[in-house]
Amino acid sequence: AAEVDDWTLSLRQWHYQLWGQGTQVTVS
């Protein structure tokens, strides 16, 4: 995810406007 014009470091998802489609990680 990306907030393209704000340097604020955040682990809160609502901080970000852009999102990718995702990639699956599976650990057995």
PDB file of all heavy atoms in Angstrom:
ATOM      1  N   ALA A   1       0.833  -1.185   0.000  1.00  0.00           N
ATOM      2  CA  ALA A   1       0.000   0.000   0.000  1.00  0.00           C
ATOM      3  C   ALA A   1       0.873   1.243   0.000  1.00  0.00           C
ATOM      4  O   ALA A   1       2.005   1.210   0.470  1.00  0.00           O
ATOM      5  CB  ALA A   1      -0.917   0.002   1.231  1.00  0.00           C
ATOM      6  N   ALA A   2       0.328   2.334  -0.516  1.00  0.00           N
ATOM      7  CA  ALA A   2       1.102   3.561  -0.605  1.00  0.00           C
ATOM      8  C   ALA A   2       0.266   4.802  -0.344  1.00  0.00           C
ATOM      9  O   ALA A   2      -0.897   4.881  -0.742  1.00  0.00           O
ATOM     10  CB  ALA A   2       1.753   3.676  -1.976  1.00  0.00           C
ATOM     11  N   GLU A   3       0.858   5.731   0.365  1.00  0.00           N
ATOM     12  CA  GLU A   3       0.373   7.094   0.468  1.00  0.00           C
ATOM     13  C   GLU A   3       1.426   7.908  -0.262  1.00  0.00           C
ATOM     14  O   GLU A   3       2.545   8.049   0.225  1.00  0.00           O
ATOM     15  CB  GLU A   3       0.240   7.529   1.925  1.00  0.00           C
ATOM     16  CG  GLU A   3       0.100   9.043   2.122  1.00  0.00           C
ATOM     17  CD  GLU A   3      -0.997   9.645   1.275  1.00  0.00           C
ATOM     18  OE1 GLU A   3      -2.162   9.223   1.419  1.00  0.00           O
ATOM     19  OE2 GLU A   3      -0.682  10.533   0.463  1.00  0.00           O
ATOM     20  N   VAL A   4       1.080   8.412  -1.434  1.00  0.00           N
ATOM     21  CA  VAL A   4       2.082   8.956  -2.339  1.00  0.00           C
ATOM     22  C   VAL A   4       2.576  10.348  -1.976  1.00  0.00           C
ATOM     23  O   VAL A   4       3.597  10.789  -2.505  1.00  0.00           O
ATOM     24  CB  VAL A   4       1.562   8.970  -3.787  1.00  0.00           C
ATOM     25  CG1 VAL A   4       1.239   7.555  -4.230  1.00  0.00           C
ATOM     26  CG2 VAL A   4       0.334   9.876  -3.914  1.00  0.00           C
ATOM     27  N   ASP A   5       1.903  11.040  -1.076  1.00  0.00           N
ATOM     28  CA  ASP A   5       2.287  12.413  -0.771  1.00  0.00           C
ATOM     29  C   ASP A   5       2.206  12.731   0.714  1.00  0.00           C
ATOM     30  O   ASP A   5       1.790  13.811   1.110  1.00  0.00           O
ATOM     31  CB  ASP A   5       1.422  13.393  -1.577  1.00  0.00           C
ATOM     32  CG  ASP A   5       2.024  14.783  -1.654  1.00  0.00           C
ATOM     33  OD1 ASP A   5       3.254  14.916  -1.509  1.00  0.00           O
ATOM     34  OD2 ASP A   5       1.259  15.745  -1.867  1.00  0.00           O
ATOM     35  N   ASP A   6       2.622  11.786   1.541  1.00  0.00           N
ATOM     36  CA  ASP A   6       2.646  11.980   2.991  1.00  0.00           C
ATOM     37  C   ASP A   6       3.702  11.053   3.574  1.00  0.00           C
ATOM     38  O   ASP A   6       3.598   9.829   3.419  1.00  0.00           O
ATOM     39  CB  ASP A   6       1.269  11.679   3.598  1.00  0.00           C
ATOM     40  CG  ASP A   6       1.185  12.041   5.068  1.00  0.00           C
ATOM     41  OD1 ASP A   6       2.222  12.251   5.708  1.00  0.00           O
ATOM     42  OD2 ASP A   6       0.049  12.109   5.598  1.00  0.00           O
ATOM     43  N   TRP A   7       4.685  11.607   4.241  1.00  0.00           N
ATOM     44  CA  TRP A   7       5.799  10.824   4.768  1.00  0.00           C
ATOM     45  C   TRP A   7       5.491  10.111   6.074  1.00  0.00           C
ATOM     46  O   TRP A   7       6.299   9.324   6.551  1.00  0.00           O
ATOM     47  CB  TRP A   7       7.028  11.721   4.969  1.00  0.00           C
ATOM     48  CG  TRP A   7       6.797  12.857   5.932  1.00  0.00           C
ATOM     49  CD1 TRP A   7       6.436  14.130   5.619  1.00  0.00           C
ATOM     50  CD2 TRP A   7       6.911  12.804   7.353  1.00  0.00           C
ATOM     51  NE1 TRP A   7       6.324  14.884   6.770  1.00  0.00           N
ATOM     52  CE2 TRP A   7       6.607  14.094   7.846  1.00  0.00           C
ATOM     53  CE3 TRP A   7       7.251  11.799   8.267  1.00  0.00           C
ATOM     54  CZ2 TRP A   7       6.623  14.402   9.210  1.00  0.00           C
ATOM     55  CZ3 TRP A   7       7.261  12.104   9.624  1.00  0.00           C
ATOM     56  CH2 TRP A   7       6.951  13.389  10.077  1.00  0.00           C
ATOM     57  N   THR A   8       4.347  10.402   6.671  1.00  0.00           N
ATOM     58  CA  THR A   8       4.002   9.827   7.968  1.00  0.00           C
ATOM     59  C   THR A   8       4.089   8.308   7.953  1.00  0.00           C
ATOM     60  O   THR A   8       3.463   7.641   7.124  1.00  0.00           O
ATOM     61  CB  THR A   8       2.590  10.257   8.388  1.00  0.00           C
ATOM     62  OG1 THR A   8       2.503  11.679   8.403  1.00  0.00           O
ATOM     63  CG2 THR A   8       2.269   9.718   9.779  1.00  0.00           C
ATOM     64  N   LEU A   9       4.869   7.766   8.866  1.00  0.00           N
ATOM     65  CA  LEU A   9       5.021   6.318   8.991  1.00  0.00           C
ATOM     66  C   LEU A   9       3.802   5.764   9.708  1.00  0.00           C
ATOM     67  O   LEU A   9       3.433   6.235  10.784  1.00  0.00           O
ATOM     68  CB  LEU A   9       6.294   6.007   9.775  1.00  0.00           C
ATOM     69  CG  LEU A   9       6.834   4.583   9.754  1.00  0.00           C
ATOM     70  CD1 LEU A   9       7.293   4.225   8.345  1.00  0.00           C
ATOM     71  CD2 LEU A   9       7.982   4.455  10.746  1.00  0.00           C
ATOM     72  N   SER A  10       3.170   4.765   9.103  1.00  0.00           N
ATOM     73  CA  SER A  10       1.926   4.276   9.681  1.00  0.00           C
ATOM     74  C   SER A  10       1.701   2.797   9.407  1.00  0.00           C
ATOM     75  O   SER A  10       1.958   2.302   8.305  1.00  0.00           O
ATOM     76  CB  SER A  10       0.739   5.072   9.142  1.00  0.00           C
ATOM     77  OG  SER A  10      -0.478   4.592   9.670  1.00  0.00           O
ATOM     78  N   LEU A  11       1.210   2.098  10.421  1.00  0.00           N
ATOM     79  CA  LEU A  11       0.776   0.713  10.285  1.00  0.00           C
ATOM     80  C   LEU A  11      -0.751   0.627  10.252  1.00  0.00           C
ATOM     81  O   LEU A  11      -1.311  -0.459  10.386  1.00  0.00           O
ATOM     82  CB  LEU A  11       1.316  -0.135  11.436  1.00  0.00           C
ATOM     83  CG  LEU A  11       2.829  -0.391  11.447  1.00  0.00           C
ATOM     84  CD1 LEU A  11       3.227  -1.167  12.694  1.00  0.00           C
ATOM     85  CD2 LEU A  11       3.256  -1.150  10.195  1.00  0.00           C
ATOM     86  N   ARG A  12      -1.395   1.752  10.060  1.00  0.00           N
ATOM     87  CA  ARG A  12      -2.850   1.803  10.001  1.00  0.00           C
ATOM     88  C   ARG A  12      -3.298   1.827   8.547  1.00  0.00           C
ATOM     89  O   ARG A  12      -2.891   2.698   7.784  1.00  0.00           O
ATOM     90  CB  ARG A  12      -3.371   3.028  10.745  1.00  0.00           C
ATOM     91  CG  ARG A  12      -2.963   3.040  12.216  1.00  0.00           C
ATOM     92  CD  ARG A  12      -3.216   4.375  12.866  1.00  0.00           C
ATOM     93  NE  ARG A  12      -2.786   4.384  14.260  1.00  0.00           N
ATOM     94  CZ  ARG A  12      -2.760   5.451  15.034  1.00  0.00           C
ATOM     95  NH1 ARG A  12      -3.162   6.628  14.552  1.00  0.00           N
ATOM     96  NH2 ARG A  12      -2.336   5.353  16.284  1.00  0.00           N
ATOM     97  N   GLN A  13      -4.143   0.889   8.167  1.00  0.00           N
ATOM     98  CA  GLN A  13      -4.474   0.741   6.764  1.00  0.00           C
ATOM     99  C   GLN A  13      -5.196   1.941   6.156  1.00  0.00           C
ATOM    100  O   GLN A  13      -5.064   2.191   4.957  1.00  0.00           O
ATOM    101  CB  GLN A  13      -5.298  -0.533   6.530  1.00  0.00           C
ATOM    102  CG  GLN A  13      -6.618  -0.591   7.240  1.00  0.00           C
ATOM    103  CD  GLN A  13      -7.338  -1.894   6.937  1.00  0.00           C
ATOM    104  OE1 GLN A  13      -7.380  -2.334   5.787  1.00  0.00           O
ATOM    105  NE2 GLN A  13      -7.899  -2.511   7.967  1.00  0.00           N
ATOM    106  N   TRP A  14      -5.925   2.701   6.972  1.00  0.00           N
ATOM    107  CA  TRP A  14      -6.663   3.838   6.435  1.00  0.00           C
ATOM    108  C   TRP A  14      -5.751   5.001   6.061  1.00  0.00           C
ATOM    109  O   TRP A  14      -6.214   5.975   5.472  1.00  0.00           O
ATOM    110  CB  TRP A  14      -7.748   4.302   7.414  1.00  0.00           C
ATOM    111  CG  TRP A  14      -7.260   4.616   8.792  1.00  0.00           C
ATOM    112  CD1 TRP A  14      -6.693   5.772   9.228  1.00  0.00           C
ATOM    113  CD2 TRP A  14      -7.327   3.749   9.935  1.00  0.00           C
ATOM    114  NE1 TRP A  14      -6.396   5.689  10.567  1.00  0.00           N
ATOM    115  CE2 TRP A  14      -6.777   4.451  11.028  1.00  0.00           C
ATOM    116  CE3 TRP A  14      -7.805   2.447  10.134  1.00  0.00           C
ATOM    117  CZ2 TRP A  14      -6.681   3.892  12.299  1.00  0.00           C
ATOM    118  CZ3 TRP A  14      -7.708   1.892  11.404  1.00  0.00           C
ATOM    119  CH2 TRP A  14      -7.153   2.612  12.468  1.00  0.00           C
ATOM    120  N   HIS A  15      -4.488   4.891   6.390  1.00  0.00           N
ATOM    121  CA  HIS A  15      -3.504   5.900   6.015  1.00  0.00           C
ATOM    122  C   HIS A  15      -3.203   5.853   4.509  1.00  0.00           C
ATOM    123  O   HIS A  15      -2.780   6.849   3.934  1.00  0.00           O
ATOM    124  CB  HIS A  15      -2.218   5.685   6.812  1.00  0.00           C
ATOM    125  CG  HIS A  15      -1.059   6.526   6.379  1.00  0.00           C
ATOM    126  ND1 HIS A  15      -0.970   7.884   6.636  1.00  0.00           N
ATOM    127  CD2 HIS A  15       0.074   6.207   5.695  1.00  0.00           C
ATOM    128  CE1 HIS A  15       0.165   8.357   6.150  1.00  0.00           C
ATOM    129  NE2 HIS A  15       0.818   7.356   5.573  1.00  0.00           N
ATOM    130  N   TYR A  16      -3.441   4.721   3.900  1.00  0.00           N
ATOM    131  CA  TYR A  16      -3.011   4.491   2.532  1.00  0.00           C
ATOM    132  C   TYR A  16      -4.161   4.546   1.532  1.00  0.00           C
ATOM    133  O   TYR A  16      -5.236   3.986   1.768  1.00  0.00           O
ATOM    134  CB  TYR A  16      -2.302   3.139   2.428  1.00  0.00           C
ATOM    135  CG  TYR A  16      -1.121   3.027   3.354  1.00  0.00           C
ATOM    136  CD1 TYR A  16      -1.244   2.432   4.608  1.00  0.00           C
ATOM    137  CD2 TYR A  16       0.116   3.533   2.985  1.00  0.00           C
ATOM    138  CE1 TYR A  16      -0.164   2.343   5.466  1.00  0.00           C
ATOM    139  CE2 TYR A  16       1.204   3.453   3.841  1.00  0.00           C
ATOM    140  CZ  TYR A  16       1.064   2.857   5.079  1.00  0.00           C
ATOM    141  OH  TYR A  16       2.145   2.769   5.934  1.00  0.00           O
ATOM    142  N   GLN A  17      -3.912   5.188   0.419  1.00  0.00           N
ATOM    143  CA  GLN A  17      -4.919   5.317  -0.630  1.00  0.00           C
ATOM    144  C   GLN A  17      -4.763   4.284  -1.743  1.00  0.00           C
ATOM    145  O   GLN A  17      -5.750   3.840  -2.322  1.00  0.00           O
ATOM    146  CB  GLN A  17      -4.872   6.716  -1.263  1.00  0.00           C
ATOM    147  CG  GLN A  17      -5.426   7.829  -0.392  1.00  0.00           C
ATOM    148  CD  GLN A  17      -4.414   8.311   0.634  1.00  0.00           C
ATOM    149  OE1 GLN A  17      -3.207   8.199   0.438  1.00  0.00           O
ATOM    150  NE2 GLN A  17      -4.911   8.855   1.736  1.00  0.00           N
ATOM    151  N   LEU A  18      -3.523   3.909  -2.043  1.00  0.00           N
ATOM    152  CA  LEU A  18      -3.256   2.982  -3.132  1.00  0.00           C
ATOM    153  C   LEU A  18      -2.962   1.596  -2.601  1.00  0.00           C
ATOM    154  O   LEU A  18      -2.231   1.434  -1.627  1.00  0.00           O
ATOM    155  CB  LEU A  18      -2.078   3.472  -3.976  1.00  0.00           C
ATOM    156  CG  LEU A  18      -2.232   4.803  -4.692  1.00  0.00           C
ATOM    157  CD1 LEU A  18      -0.939   5.154  -5.417  1.00  0.00           C
ATOM    158  CD2 LEU A  18      -3.390   4.747  -5.683  1.00  0.00           C
ATOM    159  N   TRP A  19      -3.515   0.598  -3.277  1.00  0.00           N
ATOM    160  CA  TRP A  19      -3.322  -0.793  -2.877  1.00  0.00           C
ATOM    161  C   TRP A  19      -3.061  -1.662  -4.089  1.00  0.00           C
ATOM    162  O   TRP A  19      -3.628  -1.445  -5.154  1.00  0.00           O
ATOM    163  CB  TRP A  19      -4.555  -1.316  -2.141  1.00  0.00           C
ATOM    164  CG  TRP A  19      -4.763  -0.675  -0.815  1.00  0.00           C
ATOM    165  CD1 TRP A  19      -5.367   0.521  -0.564  1.00  0.00           C
ATOM    166  CD2 TRP A  19      -4.357  -1.188   0.455  1.00  0.00           C
ATOM    167  NE1 TRP A  19      -5.354   0.787   0.786  1.00  0.00           N
ATOM    168  CE2 TRP A  19      -4.746  -0.249   1.437  1.00  0.00           C
ATOM    169  CE3 TRP A  19      -3.712  -2.357   0.864  1.00  0.00           C
ATOM    170  CZ2 TRP A  19      -4.501  -0.445   2.794  1.00  0.00           C
ATOM    171  CZ3 TRP A  19      -3.465  -2.552   2.212  1.00  0.00           C
ATOM    172  CH2 TRP A  19      -3.859  -1.600   3.158  1.00  0.00           C
ATOM    173  N   GLY A  20      -2.191  -2.643  -3.909  1.00  0.00           N
ATOM    174  CA  GLY A  20      -1.939  -3.605  -4.959  1.00  0.00           C
ATOM    175  C   GLY A  20      -2.972  -4.714  -4.932  1.00  0.00           C
ATOM    176  O   GLY A  20      -3.871  -4.743  -4.086  1.00  0.00           O
ATOM    177  N   GLN A  21      -2.837  -5.639  -5.859  1.00  0.00           N
ATOM    178  CA  GLN A  21      -3.808  -6.731  -5.982  1.00  0.00           C
ATOM    179  C   GLN A  21      -3.538  -7.888  -5.035  1.00  0.00           C
ATOM    180  O   GLN A  21      -4.397  -8.741  -4.837  1.00  0.00           O
ATOM    181  CB  GLN A  21      -3.828  -7.248  -7.425  1.00  0.00           C
ATOM    182  CG  GLN A  21      -2.685  -8.192  -7.793  1.00  0.00           C
ATOM    183  CD  GLN A  21      -1.344  -7.502  -7.966  1.00  0.00           C
ATOM    184  OE1 GLN A  21      -1.256  -6.266  -7.971  1.00  0.00           O
ATOM    185  NE2 GLN A  21      -0.287  -8.286  -8.110  1.00  0.00           N
ATOM    186  N   GLY A  22      -2.353  -7.929  -4.461  1.00  0.00           N
ATOM    187  CA  GLY A  22      -2.001  -8.966  -3.511  1.00  0.00           C
ATOM    188  C   GLY A  22      -1.213 -10.110  -4.122  1.00  0.00           C
ATOM    189  O   GLY A  22      -1.315 -10.395  -5.309  1.00  0.00           O
ATOM    190  N   THR A  23      -0.414 -10.762  -3.286  1.00  0.00           N
ATOM    191  CA  THR A  23       0.317 -11.957  -3.686  1.00  0.00           C
ATOM    192  C   THR A  23       0.234 -12.964  -2.545  1.00  0.00           C
ATOM    193  O   THR A  23       0.411 -12.622  -1.379  1.00  0.00           O
ATOM    194  CB  THR A  23       1.781 -11.625  -4.048  1.00  0.00           C
ATOM    195  OG1 THR A  23       2.439 -12.800  -4.538  1.00  0.00           O
ATOM    196  CG2 THR A  23       2.552 -11.077  -2.854  1.00  0.00           C
ATOM    197  N   GLN A  24      -0.063 -14.205  -2.887  1.00  0.00           N
ATOM    198  CA  GLN A  24      -0.324 -15.223  -1.875  1.00  0.00           C
ATOM    199  C   GLN A  24       0.962 -15.823  -1.329  1.00  0.00           C
ATOM    200  O   GLN A  24       1.861 -16.199  -2.074  1.00  0.00           O
ATOM    201  CB  GLN A  24      -1.200 -16.335  -2.460  1.00  0.00           C
ATOM    202  CG  GLN A  24      -1.524 -17.468  -1.488  1.00  0.00           C
ATOM    203  CD  GLN A  24      -2.415 -17.016  -0.351  1.00  0.00           C
ATOM    204  OE1 GLN A  24      -3.371 -16.267  -0.575  1.00  0.00           O
ATOM    205  NE2 GLN A  24      -2.113 -17.462   0.866  1.00  0.00           N
ATOM    206  N   VAL A  25       1.029 -15.932  -0.007  1.00  0.00           N
ATOM    207  CA  VAL A  25       2.128 -16.600   0.680  1.00  0.00           C
ATOM    208  C   VAL A  25       1.542 -17.744   1.494  1.00  0.00           C
ATOM    209  O   VAL A  25       0.650 -17.535   2.315  1.00  0.00           O
ATOM    210  CB  VAL A  25       2.902 -15.641   1.609  1.00  0.00           C
ATOM    211  CG1 VAL A  25       3.912 -16.410   2.461  1.00  0.00           C
ATOM    212  CG2 VAL A  25       3.600 -14.574   0.790  1.00  0.00           C
ATOM    213  N   THR A  26       2.044 -18.935   1.256  1.00  0.00           N
ATOM    214  CA  THR A  26       1.575 -20.110   1.976  1.00  0.00           C
ATOM    215  C   THR A  26       2.756 -20.811   2.625  1.00  0.00           C
ATOM    216  O   THR A  26       3.725 -21.161   1.949  1.00  0.00           O
ATOM    217  CB  THR A  26       0.852 -21.089   1.036  1.00  0.00           C
ATOM    218  OG1 THR A  26      -0.254 -20.430   0.415  1.00  0.00           O
ATOM    219  CG2 THR A  26       0.340 -22.295   1.811  1.00  0.00           C
ATOM    220  N   VAL A  27       2.672 -21.013   3.930  1.00  0.00           N
ATOM    221  CA  VAL A  27       3.739 -21.660   4.682  1.00  0.00           C
ATOM    222  C   VAL A  27       3.186 -22.935   5.300  1.00  0.00           C
ATOM    223  O   VAL A  27       2.258 -22.890   6.107  1.00  0.00           O
ATOM    224  CB  VAL A  27       4.305 -20.750   5.779  1.00  0.00           C
ATOM    225  CG1 VAL A  27       5.494 -21.427   6.461  1.00  0.00           C
ATOM    226  CG2 VAL A  27       4.707 -19.408   5.198  1.00  0.00           C
ATOM    227  N   SER A  28       3.747 -24.057   4.929  1.00  0.00           N
ATOM    228  CA  SER A  28       3.281 -25.347   5.419  1.00  0.00           C
ATOM    229  C   SER A  28       4.199 -25.875   6.510  1.00  0.00           C
ATOM    230  O   SER A  28       5.386 -25.549   6.568  1.00  0.00           O
ATOM    231  CB  SER A  28       3.196 -26.360   4.276  1.00  0.00           C
ATOM    232  OG  SER A  28       4.464 -26.563   3.673  1.00  0.00           O
TER     233      SER A  28
END
